[in-house]
N, C-alpha and C. Protein backbone atom coordinates (compact mmCIF):
# COMPACT_ATOMS: atom_id res chain seq x y z
N UNK A 1 -9.76 -15.37 -2.37
CA UNK A 1 -10.17 -14.18 -3.06
C UNK A 1 -11.31 -14.50 -4.02
N UNK A 2 -12.09 -13.48 -4.41
CA UNK A 2 -13.12 -13.62 -5.42
C UNK A 2 -12.79 -12.67 -6.56
N UNK A 3 -12.76 -13.17 -7.77
CA UNK A 3 -12.40 -12.34 -8.91
C UNK A 3 -11.57 -13.13 -9.89
N UNK A 4 -10.51 -12.51 -10.38
CA UNK A 4 -9.65 -13.19 -11.35
C UNK A 4 -8.95 -14.39 -10.72
N UNK A 5 -8.53 -14.23 -9.46
CA UNK A 5 -7.77 -15.28 -8.78
C UNK A 5 -8.55 -15.85 -7.62
N UNK A 6 -8.30 -17.12 -7.31
CA UNK A 6 -8.96 -17.79 -6.19
C UNK A 6 -8.24 -17.51 -4.87
N UNK A 7 -6.93 -17.37 -4.92
CA UNK A 7 -6.17 -17.05 -3.72
C UNK A 7 -4.82 -16.45 -4.11
N UNK A 8 -4.19 -15.81 -3.14
CA UNK A 8 -2.86 -15.23 -3.33
C UNK A 8 -2.00 -15.59 -2.14
N UNK A 9 -0.71 -15.74 -2.36
CA UNK A 9 0.20 -16.08 -1.26
C UNK A 9 1.54 -15.42 -1.50
N UNK A 10 2.32 -15.31 -0.43
CA UNK A 10 3.66 -14.74 -0.51
C UNK A 10 4.69 -15.81 -0.15
N UNK A 11 5.82 -15.79 -0.84
CA UNK A 11 6.93 -16.69 -0.57
C UNK A 11 8.15 -15.84 -0.25
N UNK A 12 8.83 -16.16 0.83
CA UNK A 12 9.98 -15.39 1.28
C UNK A 12 11.27 -16.17 1.06
N UNK A 13 12.33 -15.46 0.68
CA UNK A 13 13.64 -16.10 0.50
C UNK A 13 14.74 -15.06 0.56
N UNK A 14 15.99 -15.50 0.68
CA UNK A 14 17.11 -14.58 0.78
C UNK A 14 17.54 -14.06 -0.59
N UNK A 15 17.26 -14.81 -1.65
CA UNK A 15 17.61 -14.39 -3.01
C UNK A 15 16.42 -14.68 -3.93
N UNK A 16 16.42 -14.05 -5.10
CA UNK A 16 15.37 -14.31 -6.08
C UNK A 16 15.38 -15.76 -6.52
N UNK A 17 16.57 -16.33 -6.62
CA UNK A 17 16.69 -17.72 -7.03
C UNK A 17 16.06 -18.67 -6.00
N UNK A 18 16.25 -18.35 -4.72
CA UNK A 18 15.68 -19.17 -3.66
C UNK A 18 14.15 -19.09 -3.67
N UNK A 19 13.64 -17.89 -3.87
CA UNK A 19 12.18 -17.72 -3.95
C UNK A 19 11.62 -18.48 -5.14
N UNK A 20 12.28 -18.35 -6.28
CA UNK A 20 11.80 -19.02 -7.49
C UNK A 20 11.81 -20.53 -7.32
N UNK A 21 12.85 -21.06 -6.68
CA UNK A 21 12.93 -22.50 -6.45
C UNK A 21 11.81 -22.98 -5.55
N UNK A 22 11.49 -22.20 -4.52
CA UNK A 22 10.39 -22.58 -3.60
C UNK A 22 9.05 -22.55 -4.32
N UNK A 23 8.89 -21.56 -5.20
CA UNK A 23 7.64 -21.48 -5.96
C UNK A 23 7.49 -22.68 -6.88
N UNK A 24 8.54 -23.02 -7.62
CA UNK A 24 8.46 -24.15 -8.55
C UNK A 24 8.24 -25.47 -7.82
N UNK A 25 8.79 -25.59 -6.61
CA UNK A 25 8.56 -26.80 -5.82
C UNK A 25 7.08 -26.90 -5.45
N UNK A 26 6.51 -25.77 -5.02
CA UNK A 26 5.09 -25.75 -4.67
C UNK A 26 4.22 -26.01 -5.90
N UNK A 27 4.57 -25.37 -7.01
CA UNK A 27 3.78 -25.52 -8.23
C UNK A 27 3.81 -26.96 -8.74
N UNK A 28 4.98 -27.59 -8.66
CA UNK A 28 5.09 -28.96 -9.16
C UNK A 28 4.26 -29.94 -8.33
N UNK A 29 4.10 -29.66 -7.04
CA UNK A 29 3.33 -30.55 -6.17
C UNK A 29 1.83 -30.41 -6.38
N UNK A 30 1.38 -29.24 -6.86
CA UNK A 30 -0.05 -29.01 -7.04
C UNK A 30 -0.38 -28.64 -8.49
N UNK A 31 0.42 -29.12 -9.40
CA UNK A 31 0.26 -28.78 -10.81
C UNK A 31 -1.14 -29.11 -11.33
N UNK A 32 -1.68 -30.24 -10.91
CA UNK A 32 -2.99 -30.67 -11.40
C UNK A 32 -4.13 -29.83 -10.85
N UNK A 33 -3.89 -29.12 -9.75
CA UNK A 33 -4.95 -28.34 -9.10
C UNK A 33 -4.96 -26.88 -9.54
N UNK A 34 -3.87 -26.42 -10.16
CA UNK A 34 -3.74 -25.01 -10.51
C UNK A 34 -4.04 -24.80 -11.99
N UNK A 35 -5.06 -24.03 -12.27
CA UNK A 35 -5.45 -23.76 -13.65
C UNK A 35 -4.55 -22.70 -14.27
N UNK A 36 -4.27 -21.64 -13.51
CA UNK A 36 -3.42 -20.56 -13.99
C UNK A 36 -2.75 -19.90 -12.80
N UNK A 37 -1.67 -19.17 -13.04
CA UNK A 37 -0.98 -18.50 -11.95
C UNK A 37 -0.19 -17.31 -12.49
N UNK A 38 0.15 -16.38 -11.59
CA UNK A 38 1.06 -15.29 -11.89
C UNK A 38 2.10 -15.26 -10.79
N UNK A 39 3.35 -15.11 -11.18
CA UNK A 39 4.45 -15.11 -10.23
C UNK A 39 5.25 -13.82 -10.42
N UNK A 40 5.29 -12.97 -9.40
CA UNK A 40 6.00 -11.70 -9.51
C UNK A 40 6.86 -11.48 -8.27
N UNK A 41 7.92 -10.68 -8.42
CA UNK A 41 8.81 -10.34 -7.31
C UNK A 41 8.40 -9.00 -6.71
N UNK A 42 8.22 -8.99 -5.40
CA UNK A 42 7.91 -7.75 -4.70
C UNK A 42 9.11 -6.82 -4.71
N UNK A 43 8.84 -5.54 -4.95
CA UNK A 43 9.86 -4.50 -4.84
C UNK A 43 9.73 -3.80 -3.50
N UNK A 44 8.53 -3.30 -3.22
CA UNK A 44 8.24 -2.69 -1.92
C UNK A 44 6.73 -2.63 -1.73
N UNK A 45 6.31 -2.64 -0.48
CA UNK A 45 4.89 -2.51 -0.15
C UNK A 45 4.74 -1.54 1.02
N UNK A 46 3.79 -0.61 0.89
CA UNK A 46 3.47 0.31 1.97
C UNK A 46 2.04 0.05 2.42
N UNK A 47 1.83 -0.05 3.74
CA UNK A 47 0.51 -0.29 4.30
C UNK A 47 -0.01 0.99 4.96
N UNK A 48 -1.33 1.21 4.85
CA UNK A 48 -1.95 2.42 5.40
C UNK A 48 -3.19 2.07 6.21
N UNK A 49 -3.11 1.04 7.01
CA UNK A 49 -4.28 0.60 7.78
C UNK A 49 -4.78 1.68 8.71
N UNK A 50 -3.89 2.59 9.13
CA UNK A 50 -4.30 3.64 10.08
C UNK A 50 -5.38 4.55 9.49
N UNK A 51 -5.48 4.60 8.16
CA UNK A 51 -6.49 5.45 7.53
C UNK A 51 -7.91 5.01 7.88
N UNK A 52 -8.04 3.74 8.18
CA UNK A 52 -9.36 3.20 8.49
C UNK A 52 -10.02 3.94 9.64
N UNK A 53 -9.21 4.53 10.51
CA UNK A 53 -9.73 5.20 11.70
C UNK A 53 -9.57 6.71 11.61
N UNK A 54 -9.38 7.22 10.39
CA UNK A 54 -9.34 8.66 10.18
C UNK A 54 -7.99 9.31 10.32
N UNK A 55 -6.92 8.52 10.50
CA UNK A 55 -5.58 9.09 10.62
C UNK A 55 -4.96 9.29 9.25
N UNK A 56 -4.00 10.21 9.16
CA UNK A 56 -3.28 10.41 7.92
C UNK A 56 -2.24 9.31 7.75
N UNK A 57 -1.90 9.03 6.49
CA UNK A 57 -0.92 7.98 6.23
C UNK A 57 0.44 8.37 6.79
N UNK A 58 1.18 7.37 7.24
CA UNK A 58 2.51 7.58 7.80
C UNK A 58 3.54 7.64 6.69
N UNK A 59 4.37 8.70 6.62
CA UNK A 59 5.37 8.79 5.56
C UNK A 59 6.43 7.70 5.71
N UNK A 60 7.09 7.33 4.62
CA UNK A 60 8.14 6.30 4.71
C UNK A 60 9.22 6.70 5.70
N UNK A 61 9.72 5.72 6.44
CA UNK A 61 10.74 5.97 7.46
C UNK A 61 12.10 6.13 6.80
N UNK A 62 12.85 7.15 7.20
CA UNK A 62 14.21 7.37 6.69
C UNK A 62 15.20 6.88 7.72
N UNK A 63 15.88 5.74 7.47
CA UNK A 63 16.82 5.21 8.45
C UNK A 63 17.90 6.22 8.81
N UNK A 64 18.22 6.31 10.11
CA UNK A 64 19.21 7.25 10.59
C UNK A 64 20.53 6.59 10.93
N UNK A 65 20.58 5.26 10.93
CA UNK A 65 21.81 4.56 11.21
C UNK A 65 21.76 3.16 10.62
N UNK A 66 22.91 2.53 10.54
CA UNK A 66 23.02 1.18 10.01
C UNK A 66 23.37 0.23 11.15
N UNK A 67 22.69 -0.89 11.25
CA UNK A 67 22.95 -1.84 12.32
C UNK A 67 23.17 -3.23 11.74
N UNK A 68 23.90 -4.04 12.47
CA UNK A 68 24.08 -5.44 12.12
C UNK A 68 23.18 -6.26 13.03
N UNK A 69 22.30 -7.04 12.43
CA UNK A 69 21.33 -7.81 13.19
C UNK A 69 21.97 -9.08 13.73
N UNK A 70 21.90 -9.28 15.05
CA UNK A 70 22.45 -10.50 15.65
C UNK A 70 21.31 -11.44 16.06
N UNK A 71 21.65 -12.56 16.68
CA UNK A 71 20.65 -13.57 17.04
C UNK A 71 19.66 -13.05 18.08
N UNK A 72 20.12 -12.18 18.97
CA UNK A 72 19.21 -11.62 19.98
C UNK A 72 18.17 -10.73 19.30
N UNK A 73 18.61 -9.91 18.35
CA UNK A 73 17.68 -9.07 17.61
C UNK A 73 16.64 -9.92 16.89
N UNK A 74 17.07 -10.99 16.25
CA UNK A 74 16.15 -11.86 15.53
C UNK A 74 15.12 -12.49 16.47
N UNK A 75 15.57 -12.86 17.66
CA UNK A 75 14.64 -13.45 18.62
C UNK A 75 13.60 -12.43 19.06
N UNK A 76 14.02 -11.21 19.29
CA UNK A 76 13.08 -10.15 19.68
C UNK A 76 12.10 -9.84 18.54
N UNK A 77 12.61 -9.79 17.32
CA UNK A 77 11.76 -9.50 16.17
C UNK A 77 10.75 -10.62 15.94
N UNK A 78 11.17 -11.85 16.20
CA UNK A 78 10.26 -12.99 16.05
C UNK A 78 9.08 -12.86 17.01
N UNK A 79 9.37 -12.46 18.24
CA UNK A 79 8.30 -12.30 19.24
C UNK A 79 7.38 -11.16 18.84
N UNK A 80 7.95 -10.03 18.41
CA UNK A 80 7.15 -8.87 18.03
C UNK A 80 6.32 -9.14 16.78
N UNK A 81 6.83 -9.98 15.88
CA UNK A 81 6.08 -10.33 14.68
C UNK A 81 4.82 -11.11 15.02
N UNK A 82 4.86 -11.85 16.12
CA UNK A 82 3.71 -12.62 16.56
C UNK A 82 2.80 -11.81 17.48
N UNK A 83 3.39 -10.86 18.22
CA UNK A 83 2.60 -10.04 19.15
C UNK A 83 3.29 -8.69 19.30
N UNK A 84 2.85 -7.70 18.49
CA UNK A 84 3.48 -6.38 18.52
C UNK A 84 3.20 -5.65 19.83
N UNK A 85 2.29 -6.15 20.65
CA UNK A 85 1.97 -5.51 21.92
C UNK A 85 2.91 -5.94 23.05
N UNK A 86 3.79 -6.88 22.80
CA UNK A 86 4.70 -7.36 23.84
C UNK A 86 5.56 -6.20 24.35
N UNK A 87 5.57 -5.99 25.67
CA UNK A 87 6.36 -4.89 26.23
C UNK A 87 7.79 -5.35 26.52
N UNK A 88 8.61 -4.43 27.04
CA UNK A 88 10.02 -4.74 27.25
C UNK A 88 10.21 -5.84 28.29
N UNK A 89 9.35 -5.87 29.30
CA UNK A 89 9.45 -6.93 30.33
C UNK A 89 9.15 -8.29 29.72
N UNK A 90 8.11 -8.34 28.89
CA UNK A 90 7.76 -9.61 28.24
C UNK A 90 8.86 -10.04 27.27
N UNK A 91 9.45 -9.09 26.55
CA UNK A 91 10.53 -9.42 25.62
C UNK A 91 11.77 -9.91 26.36
N UNK A 92 12.01 -9.35 27.54
CA UNK A 92 13.19 -9.74 28.31
C UNK A 92 13.15 -11.21 28.71
N UNK A 93 11.94 -11.78 28.81
CA UNK A 93 11.80 -13.19 29.18
C UNK A 93 12.32 -14.12 28.09
N UNK A 94 12.50 -13.58 26.89
CA UNK A 94 12.97 -14.40 25.77
C UNK A 94 14.47 -14.25 25.54
N UNK A 95 15.16 -13.54 26.45
CA UNK A 95 16.60 -13.38 26.33
C UNK A 95 17.19 -13.21 27.72
N UNK A 96 18.50 -13.06 27.77
CA UNK A 96 19.18 -12.87 29.06
C UNK A 96 19.35 -11.38 29.38
N UNK A 97 18.78 -10.52 28.56
CA UNK A 97 18.92 -9.08 28.74
C UNK A 97 17.85 -8.54 29.68
N UNK A 98 18.12 -7.36 30.25
CA UNK A 98 17.14 -6.69 31.11
C UNK A 98 16.17 -5.89 30.24
N UNK A 99 15.06 -5.47 30.84
CA UNK A 99 14.08 -4.69 30.10
C UNK A 99 14.68 -3.39 29.54
N UNK A 100 15.52 -2.63 30.33
CA UNK A 100 16.13 -1.42 29.77
C UNK A 100 17.05 -1.73 28.58
N UNK A 101 17.75 -2.86 28.64
CA UNK A 101 18.62 -3.23 27.52
C UNK A 101 17.79 -3.59 26.29
N UNK A 102 16.66 -4.23 26.52
CA UNK A 102 15.75 -4.56 25.42
C UNK A 102 15.24 -3.27 24.78
N UNK A 103 14.88 -2.32 25.61
CA UNK A 103 14.37 -1.04 25.11
C UNK A 103 15.39 -0.38 24.19
N UNK A 104 16.67 -0.39 24.57
CA UNK A 104 17.72 0.21 23.75
C UNK A 104 17.84 -0.49 22.40
N UNK A 105 17.73 -1.81 22.42
CA UNK A 105 17.81 -2.57 21.17
C UNK A 105 16.63 -2.25 20.25
N UNK A 106 15.44 -2.19 20.81
CA UNK A 106 14.25 -1.91 20.00
C UNK A 106 14.35 -0.52 19.40
N UNK A 107 14.77 0.47 20.19
CA UNK A 107 14.90 1.83 19.68
C UNK A 107 15.96 1.89 18.57
N UNK A 108 17.01 1.10 18.72
CA UNK A 108 18.06 1.07 17.68
C UNK A 108 17.52 0.47 16.38
N UNK A 109 16.71 -0.57 16.50
CA UNK A 109 16.12 -1.20 15.33
C UNK A 109 15.11 -0.27 14.64
N UNK A 110 14.42 0.53 15.44
CA UNK A 110 13.47 1.49 14.88
C UNK A 110 14.20 2.59 14.11
N UNK A 111 15.27 3.12 14.71
CA UNK A 111 16.01 4.20 14.06
C UNK A 111 16.68 3.72 12.77
N UNK A 112 17.04 2.45 12.73
CA UNK A 112 17.68 1.89 11.54
C UNK A 112 16.68 1.52 10.46
N UNK A 113 15.39 1.60 10.79
CA UNK A 113 14.38 1.27 9.80
C UNK A 113 14.10 -0.21 9.68
N UNK A 114 14.70 -1.02 10.56
CA UNK A 114 14.40 -2.46 10.56
C UNK A 114 12.95 -2.65 11.00
N UNK A 115 12.57 -1.97 12.08
CA UNK A 115 11.17 -1.90 12.51
C UNK A 115 10.61 -0.59 11.96
N UNK A 116 9.68 -0.66 11.04
CA UNK A 116 9.15 0.55 10.41
C UNK A 116 7.91 1.08 11.10
N UNK A 117 7.07 0.18 11.62
CA UNK A 117 5.85 0.62 12.29
C UNK A 117 5.24 -0.56 13.03
N UNK A 118 4.24 -0.26 13.86
CA UNK A 118 3.47 -1.28 14.55
C UNK A 118 2.01 -1.09 14.14
N UNK A 119 1.30 -2.20 13.96
CA UNK A 119 -0.07 -2.07 13.47
C UNK A 119 -0.92 -3.23 13.95
N UNK A 120 -2.24 -3.05 13.81
CA UNK A 120 -3.20 -4.11 14.09
C UNK A 120 -3.41 -4.96 12.85
N UNK A 121 -3.76 -6.21 13.05
CA UNK A 121 -4.16 -7.07 11.95
C UNK A 121 -5.68 -7.19 12.02
N UNK A 122 -6.37 -6.61 11.03
CA UNK A 122 -7.80 -6.43 11.10
C UNK A 122 -8.58 -7.36 10.17
N UNK A 123 -9.78 -7.70 10.59
CA UNK A 123 -10.74 -8.38 9.73
C UNK A 123 -11.70 -7.30 9.24
N UNK A 124 -11.50 -6.82 8.01
CA UNK A 124 -12.30 -5.72 7.49
C UNK A 124 -13.79 -6.06 7.44
N UNK A 125 -14.11 -7.32 7.21
CA UNK A 125 -15.52 -7.71 7.08
C UNK A 125 -16.29 -7.44 8.38
N UNK A 126 -15.66 -7.64 9.52
CA UNK A 126 -16.34 -7.44 10.79
C UNK A 126 -16.52 -5.96 11.11
N UNK A 127 -15.89 -5.11 10.32
CA UNK A 127 -16.07 -3.67 10.46
C UNK A 127 -17.05 -3.15 9.41
N UNK A 128 -17.70 -4.08 8.70
CA UNK A 128 -18.67 -3.70 7.68
C UNK A 128 -18.06 -3.18 6.40
N UNK A 129 -16.80 -3.60 6.13
CA UNK A 129 -16.10 -3.12 4.94
C UNK A 129 -15.74 -4.26 4.01
N UNK A 130 -15.61 -3.94 2.74
CA UNK A 130 -15.11 -4.86 1.73
C UNK A 130 -13.71 -4.40 1.33
N UNK A 131 -12.81 -5.37 1.15
CA UNK A 131 -11.41 -5.04 0.85
C UNK A 131 -11.07 -5.59 -0.53
N UNK A 132 -10.75 -4.70 -1.46
CA UNK A 132 -10.47 -5.08 -2.84
C UNK A 132 -8.99 -4.91 -3.16
N UNK A 133 -8.52 -5.75 -4.07
CA UNK A 133 -7.19 -5.63 -4.64
C UNK A 133 -7.32 -5.19 -6.09
N UNK A 134 -6.59 -4.13 -6.45
CA UNK A 134 -6.68 -3.56 -7.80
C UNK A 134 -5.31 -3.56 -8.45
N UNK A 135 -5.21 -4.09 -9.66
CA UNK A 135 -3.96 -4.06 -10.43
C UNK A 135 -4.10 -3.06 -11.56
N UNK A 136 -3.06 -2.23 -11.74
CA UNK A 136 -3.07 -1.25 -12.82
C UNK A 136 -1.73 -1.30 -13.56
N UNK A 137 -1.80 -1.04 -14.86
CA UNK A 137 -0.57 -0.87 -15.64
C UNK A 137 0.01 0.49 -15.29
N UNK A 138 1.34 0.62 -15.39
CA UNK A 138 1.99 1.85 -14.95
C UNK A 138 2.88 2.42 -16.03
N UNK A 139 3.18 3.69 -15.88
CA UNK A 139 4.14 4.41 -16.70
C UNK A 139 5.32 4.72 -15.80
N UNK A 140 6.50 4.20 -16.12
CA UNK A 140 7.65 4.34 -15.24
C UNK A 140 7.93 5.79 -14.87
N UNK A 141 7.67 6.71 -15.81
CA UNK A 141 7.96 8.12 -15.56
C UNK A 141 7.05 8.69 -14.47
N UNK A 142 5.80 8.22 -14.43
CA UNK A 142 4.81 8.78 -13.52
C UNK A 142 4.51 7.89 -12.31
N UNK A 143 5.18 6.76 -12.19
CA UNK A 143 4.85 5.81 -11.12
C UNK A 143 4.98 6.44 -9.74
N UNK A 144 6.06 7.18 -9.50
CA UNK A 144 6.27 7.79 -8.19
C UNK A 144 5.12 8.73 -7.85
N UNK A 145 4.70 9.56 -8.79
CA UNK A 145 3.61 10.49 -8.54
C UNK A 145 2.30 9.75 -8.28
N UNK A 146 2.08 8.65 -9.01
CA UNK A 146 0.87 7.87 -8.83
C UNK A 146 0.85 7.21 -7.45
N UNK A 147 1.98 6.65 -7.03
CA UNK A 147 2.06 6.01 -5.71
C UNK A 147 1.84 7.04 -4.61
N UNK A 148 2.43 8.22 -4.74
CA UNK A 148 2.23 9.28 -3.75
C UNK A 148 0.76 9.70 -3.69
N UNK A 149 0.11 9.73 -4.85
CA UNK A 149 -1.31 10.07 -4.90
C UNK A 149 -2.14 9.02 -4.17
N UNK A 150 -1.84 7.74 -4.42
CA UNK A 150 -2.57 6.66 -3.76
C UNK A 150 -2.39 6.72 -2.24
N UNK A 151 -1.17 7.03 -1.81
CA UNK A 151 -0.88 7.06 -0.37
C UNK A 151 -1.72 8.10 0.36
N UNK A 152 -2.17 9.12 -0.36
CA UNK A 152 -2.96 10.19 0.26
C UNK A 152 -4.46 9.91 0.24
N UNK A 153 -4.88 8.89 -0.51
CA UNK A 153 -6.31 8.59 -0.60
C UNK A 153 -6.78 7.85 0.65
N UNK A 154 -7.86 8.32 1.27
CA UNK A 154 -8.25 7.80 2.57
C UNK A 154 -8.86 6.41 2.53
N UNK A 155 -9.10 5.84 1.34
CA UNK A 155 -9.65 4.50 1.24
C UNK A 155 -8.62 3.47 0.77
N UNK A 156 -7.42 3.92 0.47
CA UNK A 156 -6.38 3.01 -0.02
C UNK A 156 -5.65 2.39 1.17
N UNK A 157 -5.61 1.06 1.24
CA UNK A 157 -5.04 0.36 2.39
C UNK A 157 -3.58 -0.03 2.21
N UNK A 158 -3.13 -0.24 0.98
CA UNK A 158 -1.73 -0.57 0.73
C UNK A 158 -1.40 -0.30 -0.73
N UNK A 159 -0.11 -0.16 -1.01
CA UNK A 159 0.37 -0.05 -2.38
C UNK A 159 1.56 -0.99 -2.51
N UNK A 160 1.53 -1.89 -3.49
CA UNK A 160 2.60 -2.86 -3.70
C UNK A 160 3.20 -2.66 -5.08
N UNK A 161 4.52 -2.51 -5.11
CA UNK A 161 5.24 -2.38 -6.38
C UNK A 161 6.01 -3.67 -6.63
N UNK A 162 6.15 -4.03 -7.92
CA UNK A 162 6.79 -5.29 -8.29
C UNK A 162 7.94 -5.04 -9.26
N UNK A 163 8.88 -5.97 -9.28
CA UNK A 163 10.00 -5.90 -10.23
C UNK A 163 9.57 -6.50 -11.56
N UNK A 164 10.09 -5.93 -12.63
CA UNK A 164 9.82 -6.52 -13.94
C UNK A 164 8.61 -5.91 -14.62
N UNK A 165 7.49 -6.61 -14.59
CA UNK A 165 6.30 -6.20 -15.31
C UNK A 165 5.84 -4.80 -14.88
N UNK A 166 5.43 -3.95 -15.84
CA UNK A 166 5.03 -2.57 -15.53
C UNK A 166 3.63 -2.46 -14.97
N UNK A 167 3.43 -2.92 -13.74
CA UNK A 167 2.15 -2.74 -13.07
C UNK A 167 2.38 -2.68 -11.57
N UNK A 168 1.38 -2.19 -10.88
CA UNK A 168 1.43 -2.20 -9.42
C UNK A 168 0.04 -2.58 -8.90
N UNK A 169 -0.01 -2.88 -7.62
CA UNK A 169 -1.25 -3.32 -6.96
C UNK A 169 -1.53 -2.38 -5.79
N UNK A 170 -2.80 -2.11 -5.56
CA UNK A 170 -3.17 -1.36 -4.37
C UNK A 170 -4.48 -1.90 -3.81
N UNK A 171 -4.67 -1.73 -2.51
CA UNK A 171 -5.87 -2.19 -1.84
C UNK A 171 -6.82 -1.04 -1.56
N UNK A 172 -8.11 -1.31 -1.58
CA UNK A 172 -9.13 -0.31 -1.29
C UNK A 172 -10.16 -0.91 -0.36
N UNK A 173 -10.46 -0.25 0.76
CA UNK A 173 -11.55 -0.72 1.61
C UNK A 173 -12.74 0.21 1.48
N UNK A 174 -13.90 -0.35 1.18
CA UNK A 174 -15.13 0.42 0.91
C UNK A 174 -16.31 -0.28 1.59
N UNK A 175 -17.41 0.43 1.68
CA UNK A 175 -18.61 -0.16 2.26
C UNK A 175 -19.42 -0.95 1.24
N UNK A 176 -19.27 -0.62 -0.04
CA UNK A 176 -20.02 -1.32 -1.08
C UNK A 176 -19.33 -1.11 -2.42
N UNK A 177 -19.71 -1.88 -3.45
CA UNK A 177 -19.07 -1.76 -4.77
C UNK A 177 -19.27 -0.40 -5.43
N UNK A 178 -20.31 0.32 -5.05
CA UNK A 178 -20.56 1.63 -5.66
C UNK A 178 -19.48 2.63 -5.24
N UNK A 179 -19.06 2.54 -3.97
CA UNK A 179 -17.95 3.39 -3.52
C UNK A 179 -16.68 3.05 -4.29
N UNK A 180 -16.44 1.77 -4.50
CA UNK A 180 -15.26 1.34 -5.25
C UNK A 180 -15.29 1.92 -6.66
N UNK A 181 -16.46 1.87 -7.30
CA UNK A 181 -16.57 2.38 -8.66
C UNK A 181 -16.23 3.86 -8.72
N UNK A 182 -16.70 4.64 -7.75
CA UNK A 182 -16.42 6.07 -7.74
C UNK A 182 -14.93 6.35 -7.54
N UNK A 183 -14.29 5.57 -6.67
CA UNK A 183 -12.86 5.75 -6.43
C UNK A 183 -12.06 5.44 -7.69
N UNK A 184 -12.39 4.35 -8.35
CA UNK A 184 -11.66 3.96 -9.56
C UNK A 184 -11.90 4.95 -10.69
N UNK A 185 -13.10 5.48 -10.80
CA UNK A 185 -13.38 6.49 -11.81
C UNK A 185 -12.56 7.75 -11.56
N UNK A 186 -12.42 8.12 -10.28
CA UNK A 186 -11.63 9.30 -9.93
C UNK A 186 -10.16 9.11 -10.29
N UNK A 187 -9.62 7.91 -10.04
CA UNK A 187 -8.24 7.62 -10.39
C UNK A 187 -8.02 7.64 -11.89
N UNK A 188 -8.97 7.07 -12.63
CA UNK A 188 -8.84 7.04 -14.08
C UNK A 188 -8.91 8.46 -14.66
N UNK A 189 -9.69 9.34 -14.03
CA UNK A 189 -9.78 10.73 -14.50
C UNK A 189 -8.48 11.49 -14.22
N UNK A 190 -7.86 11.22 -13.07
CA UNK A 190 -6.64 11.92 -12.68
C UNK A 190 -5.41 11.36 -13.40
N UNK A 191 -5.44 10.07 -13.73
CA UNK A 191 -4.31 9.41 -14.39
C UNK A 191 -4.82 8.61 -15.58
N UNK A 192 -5.22 9.27 -16.66
CA UNK A 192 -5.82 8.58 -17.81
C UNK A 192 -4.86 7.63 -18.52
N UNK A 193 -3.54 7.80 -18.32
CA UNK A 193 -2.58 6.91 -18.97
C UNK A 193 -2.48 5.55 -18.29
N UNK A 194 -3.08 5.42 -17.11
CA UNK A 194 -3.06 4.16 -16.37
C UNK A 194 -4.31 3.36 -16.71
N UNK A 195 -4.17 2.03 -16.69
CA UNK A 195 -5.29 1.18 -17.02
C UNK A 195 -5.49 0.13 -15.93
N UNK A 196 -6.71 0.05 -15.40
CA UNK A 196 -7.05 -1.00 -14.44
C UNK A 196 -7.33 -2.28 -15.23
N UNK A 197 -6.58 -3.34 -14.95
CA UNK A 197 -6.76 -4.55 -15.75
C UNK A 197 -7.16 -5.76 -14.90
N UNK A 198 -7.24 -5.57 -13.58
CA UNK A 198 -7.58 -6.72 -12.75
C UNK A 198 -8.14 -6.25 -11.41
N UNK A 199 -9.15 -6.98 -10.93
CA UNK A 199 -9.82 -6.60 -9.68
C UNK A 199 -10.26 -7.87 -8.96
N UNK A 200 -9.96 -7.93 -7.65
CA UNK A 200 -10.36 -9.08 -6.85
C UNK A 200 -10.82 -8.61 -5.47
N UNK A 201 -11.67 -9.40 -4.85
CA UNK A 201 -12.17 -9.12 -3.51
C UNK A 201 -11.52 -10.07 -2.52
N UNK A 202 -10.92 -9.51 -1.45
CA UNK A 202 -10.36 -10.34 -0.40
C UNK A 202 -11.50 -11.00 0.38
N UNK A 203 -11.54 -12.30 0.41
CA UNK A 203 -12.56 -13.02 1.18
C UNK A 203 -12.09 -13.31 2.60
N UNK A 204 -10.86 -13.77 2.72
CA UNK A 204 -10.33 -14.13 4.04
C UNK A 204 -8.81 -14.16 3.98
N UNK A 205 -8.18 -13.65 5.02
CA UNK A 205 -6.74 -13.75 5.17
C UNK A 205 -6.45 -14.76 6.27
N UNK A 206 -5.74 -15.82 5.92
CA UNK A 206 -5.60 -16.95 6.83
C UNK A 206 -4.49 -16.76 7.86
N UNK A 207 -3.51 -15.91 7.56
CA UNK A 207 -2.40 -15.70 8.50
C UNK A 207 -2.12 -14.21 8.58
N UNK A 208 -1.34 -13.82 9.57
CA UNK A 208 -0.97 -12.43 9.73
C UNK A 208 -0.15 -11.95 8.55
N UNK A 209 -0.22 -10.63 8.30
CA UNK A 209 0.57 -10.03 7.23
C UNK A 209 2.03 -9.88 7.64
N UNK A 210 2.37 -10.26 8.87
CA UNK A 210 3.75 -10.18 9.34
C UNK A 210 4.64 -11.22 8.68
N UNK A 211 5.94 -11.13 8.88
CA UNK A 211 6.87 -12.05 8.23
C UNK A 211 6.77 -13.47 8.77
N UNK A 212 7.03 -14.48 7.94
CA UNK A 212 7.02 -15.87 8.42
C UNK A 212 8.24 -16.13 9.29
N UNK A 213 8.21 -17.21 10.04
CA UNK A 213 9.27 -17.51 11.00
C UNK A 213 10.61 -17.73 10.34
N UNK A 214 10.62 -18.17 9.06
CA UNK A 214 11.89 -18.45 8.39
C UNK A 214 12.74 -17.19 8.22
N UNK A 215 12.10 -16.01 8.29
CA UNK A 215 12.85 -14.76 8.16
C UNK A 215 13.87 -14.62 9.29
N UNK A 216 13.58 -15.22 10.44
CA UNK A 216 14.44 -15.05 11.61
C UNK A 216 15.37 -16.24 11.84
N UNK A 217 15.37 -17.20 10.92
CA UNK A 217 16.25 -18.36 11.08
C UNK A 217 17.71 -17.98 10.77
């Protein structure tokens, strides 16, 4: 990244304690190389990449049933995390199930909200766009309204909420910094109680935004 931070990364774990332990292990190994850092817990993140092509943002999925994830489900999810285009026949090669049985499992995972959506992983720069990360302080009373407002903006690519500190992050894809300035001015006019306190430019994303393999272990 270019801006306040040189890079950003995500750490996954089953508990907050496990995540914190992994972070401290990483930090202790590179203590001499890190000048400063911020460590926050993700609450939820919504992505709106479909807006890039003129589509409206997809509303949050409301799960219609509860499922227990077994080893077969994890294997299928692992394959889809690496290639969301894999069809039922291709998925069947990774298990002893038939393609129709795979289809039933995938539909069940979708209805339960385990699979929320399918998307492309894009390089914004090759589309002539710049992708910025913006941090703002929040007011707990108005956060929901602010997030809903961001979700409707056609240049906002994601909204990330965090536990603890009263701030959230959102992404903006623009053709130039002047467009970014106009968008931020519009947000400040609509929500004067919010304050933008940090801004960075995404230079390169080294891995997919999908979950790491440890999620399926």
